[in-house]
Amino acid sequence: TDAHGYSFHRFQIFVWTIVLGIIFLHGVYNRLAMPVFSATLLALLGISGATYLGFKIPEQQETESAGDGTNTEPSRSPTEDLPAPPDQLPAE
């Protein structure tokens, strides 16, 4: 997920990773050999990876432009969250 909710391209690459991982583990466990992936499956994986990268580049540009100094929140001192020293505590 990101600031805009779930991303299809991230979900897609996640599903491909899980599916191909299961196929790989099944092939190695049952045949004790490396599985052979078809050219079609590898092409689909390549298209999925290209889609992921294609959508990732605009996300990076959005993230970089958000950090260009246009933040409207006031800056906080690193010591603001620290407790006051004992000599500065209110008298009881």
C-alpha atoms as a PDB file:
ATOM      1  CA  THR A   1       0.000   0.000   0.000  1.00  0.00           C
ATOM      2  CA  ASP A   2       0.955   3.613  -0.312  1.00  0.00           C
ATOM      3  CA  ALA A   3      -0.619   6.994   0.411  1.00  0.00           C
ATOM      4  CA  HIS A   4      -3.289   6.296  -2.227  1.00  0.00           C
ATOM      5  CA  GLY A   5      -4.245   2.788  -1.027  1.00  0.00           C
ATOM      6  CA  TYR A   6      -3.489  -0.568  -2.595  1.00  0.00           C
ATOM      7  CA  SER A   7      -1.415  -0.617  -5.774  1.00  0.00           C
ATOM      8  CA  PHE A   8      -2.264  -3.128  -8.482  1.00  0.00           C
ATOM      9  CA  HIS A   9       1.319  -3.295  -9.765  1.00  0.00           C
ATOM     10  CA  ARG A  10       2.668  -4.154  -6.307  1.00  0.00           C
ATOM     11  CA  PHE A  11       0.004  -6.810  -5.800  1.00  0.00           C
ATOM     12  CA  GLN A  12       0.739  -8.252  -9.243  1.00  0.00           C
ATOM     13  CA  ILE A  13       4.483  -8.606  -8.628  1.00  0.00           C
ATOM     14  CA  PHE A  14       3.764 -10.100  -5.182  1.00  0.00           C
ATOM     15  CA  VAL A  15       1.435 -12.742  -6.665  1.00  0.00           C
ATOM     16  CA  TRP A  16       3.942 -13.641  -9.409  1.00  0.00           C
ATOM     17  CA  THR A  17       6.673 -14.035  -6.808  1.00  0.00           C
ATOM     18  CA  ILE A  18       4.509 -16.356  -4.693  1.00  0.00           C
ATOM     19  CA  VAL A  19       3.306 -18.429  -7.678  1.00  0.00           C
ATOM     20  CA  LEU A  20       6.762 -18.893  -9.175  1.00  0.00           C
ATOM     21  CA  GLY A  21       8.218 -19.588  -5.723  1.00  0.00           C
ATOM     22  CA  ILE A  22       5.680 -22.371  -5.187  1.00  0.00           C
ATOM     23  CA  ILE A  23       6.387 -23.819  -8.645  1.00  0.00           C
ATOM     24  CA  PHE A  24      10.117 -23.679  -7.941  1.00  0.00           C
ATOM     25  CA  LEU A  25       9.860 -25.334  -4.513  1.00  0.00           C
ATOM     26  CA  HIS A  26       7.479 -28.008  -5.840  1.00  0.00           C
ATOM     27  CA  GLY A  27       9.841 -28.832  -8.717  1.00  0.00           C
ATOM     28  CA  VAL A  28      12.918 -28.999  -6.524  1.00  0.00           C
ATOM     29  CA  TYR A  29      11.217 -31.025  -3.781  1.00  0.00           C
ATOM     30  CA  ASN A  30       9.492 -33.600  -6.030  1.00  0.00           C
ATOM     31  CA  ARG A  31      12.104 -34.027  -8.781  1.00  0.00           C
ATOM     32  CA  LEU A  32      15.269 -32.920  -6.982  1.00  0.00           C
ATOM     33  CA  ALA A  33      16.019 -30.802 -10.056  1.00  0.00           C
ATOM     34  CA  MET A  34      15.697 -27.212 -11.102  1.00  0.00           C
ATOM     35  CA  PRO A  35      12.304 -26.553 -12.708  1.00  0.00           C
ATOM     36  CA  VAL A  36      12.127 -25.418 -16.312  1.00  0.00           C
ATOM     37  CA  PHE A  37       9.949 -22.357 -16.844  1.00  0.00           C
ATOM     38  CA  SER A  38       8.346 -21.913 -20.260  1.00  0.00           C
ATOM     39  CA  ALA A  39       9.196 -18.949 -22.451  1.00  0.00           C
ATOM     40  CA  THR A  40       5.587 -17.744 -22.192  1.00  0.00           C
ATOM     41  CA  LEU A  41       5.690 -17.734 -18.407  1.00  0.00           C
ATOM     42  CA  LEU A  42       8.978 -15.839 -18.404  1.00  0.00           C
ATOM     43  CA  ALA A  43       7.563 -13.324 -20.918  1.00  0.00           C
ATOM     44  CA  LEU A  44       4.538 -12.746 -18.671  1.00  0.00           C
ATOM     45  CA  LEU A  45       6.848 -12.257 -15.711  1.00  0.00           C
ATOM     46  CA  GLY A  46       8.862  -9.739 -17.737  1.00  0.00           C
ATOM     47  CA  ILE A  47       5.703  -7.816 -18.674  1.00  0.00           C
ATOM     48  CA  SER A  48       4.656  -7.801 -15.042  1.00  0.00           C
ATOM     49  CA  GLY A  49       8.071  -6.508 -13.969  1.00  0.00           C
ATOM     50  CA  ALA A  50       7.987  -3.789 -16.620  1.00  0.00           C
ATOM     51  CA  THR A  51       4.523  -2.751 -15.430  1.00  0.00           C
ATOM     52  CA  TYR A  52       5.808  -2.550 -11.869  1.00  0.00           C
ATOM     53  CA  LEU A  53       8.740  -0.360 -12.915  1.00  0.00           C
ATOM     54  CA  GLY A  54       6.519   1.776 -15.124  1.00  0.00           C
ATOM     55  CA  PHE A  55       4.265   2.634 -12.190  1.00  0.00           C
ATOM     56  CA  LYS A  56       7.128   2.860  -9.682  1.00  0.00           C
ATOM     57  CA  ILE A  57       8.903   5.722 -11.485  1.00  0.00           C
ATOM     58  CA  PRO A  58       5.975   8.196 -11.101  1.00  0.00           C
ATOM     59  CA  GLU A  59       5.664   7.170  -7.424  1.00  0.00           C
ATOM     60  CA  GLN A  60       9.321   8.058  -6.871  1.00  0.00           C
ATOM     61  CA  GLN A  61       8.820  11.434  -8.547  1.00  0.00           C
ATOM     62  CA  GLU A  62       5.787  12.148  -6.324  1.00  0.00           C
ATOM     63  CA  THR A  63       7.805  11.235  -3.223  1.00  0.00           C
ATOM     64  CA  GLU A  64      10.714  13.448  -4.257  1.00  0.00           C
ATOM     65  CA  SER A  65       8.457  16.414  -5.065  1.00  0.00           C
ATOM     66  CA  ALA A  66       6.719  16.051  -1.691  1.00  0.00           C
ATOM     67  CA  GLY A  67      10.069  16.519   0.021  1.00  0.00           C
ATOM     68  CA  ASP A  68      11.000  19.716  -1.826  1.00  0.00           C
ATOM     69  CA  GLY A  69      10.562  22.023   1.127  1.00  0.00           C
ATOM     70  CA  THR A  70       6.850  22.664   0.681  1.00  0.00           C
ATOM     71  CA  ASN A  71       6.030  20.961   3.970  1.00  0.00           C
ATOM     72  CA  THR A  72       3.696  23.221   5.961  1.00  0.00           C
ATOM     73  CA  GLU A  73       4.142  21.499   9.328  1.00  0.00           C
ATOM     74  CA  PRO A  74       6.209  23.491  11.817  1.00  0.00           C
ATOM     75  CA  SER A  75       9.596  22.011  12.545  1.00  0.00           C
ATOM     76  CA  ARG A  76      10.075  20.440  15.955  1.00  0.00           C
ATOM     77  CA  SER A  77      13.132  20.535  18.098  1.00  0.00           C
ATOM     78  CA  PRO A  78      14.643  17.086  18.809  1.00  0.00           C
ATOM     79  CA  THR A  79      14.489  17.875  22.529  1.00  0.00           C
ATOM     80  CA  GLU A  80      10.755  18.754  22.570  1.00  0.00           C
ATOM     81  CA  ASP A  81       9.753  15.213  23.499  1.00  0.00           C
ATOM     82  CA  LEU A  82      12.290  14.835  26.302  1.00  0.00           C
ATOM     83  CA  PRO A  83      11.066  15.185  29.899  1.00  0.00           C
ATOM     84  CA  ALA A  84      11.973  18.374  31.768  1.00  0.00           C
ATOM     85  CA  PRO A  85      14.999  18.229  34.104  1.00  0.00           C
ATOM     86  CA  PRO A  86      14.121  17.738  37.789  1.00  0.00           C
ATOM     87  CA  ASP A  87      14.989  21.335  38.717  1.00  0.00           C
ATOM     88  CA  GLN A  88      12.458  22.638  36.135  1.00  0.00           C
ATOM     89  CA  LEU A  89       9.485  20.525  37.240  1.00  0.00           C
ATOM     90  CA  PRO A  90       6.534  22.396  38.777  1.00  0.00           C
ATOM     91  CA  ALA A  91       6.433  22.437  42.572  1.00  0.00           C
ATOM     92  CA  GLU A  92       3.921  20.090  44.130  1.00  0.00           C
END
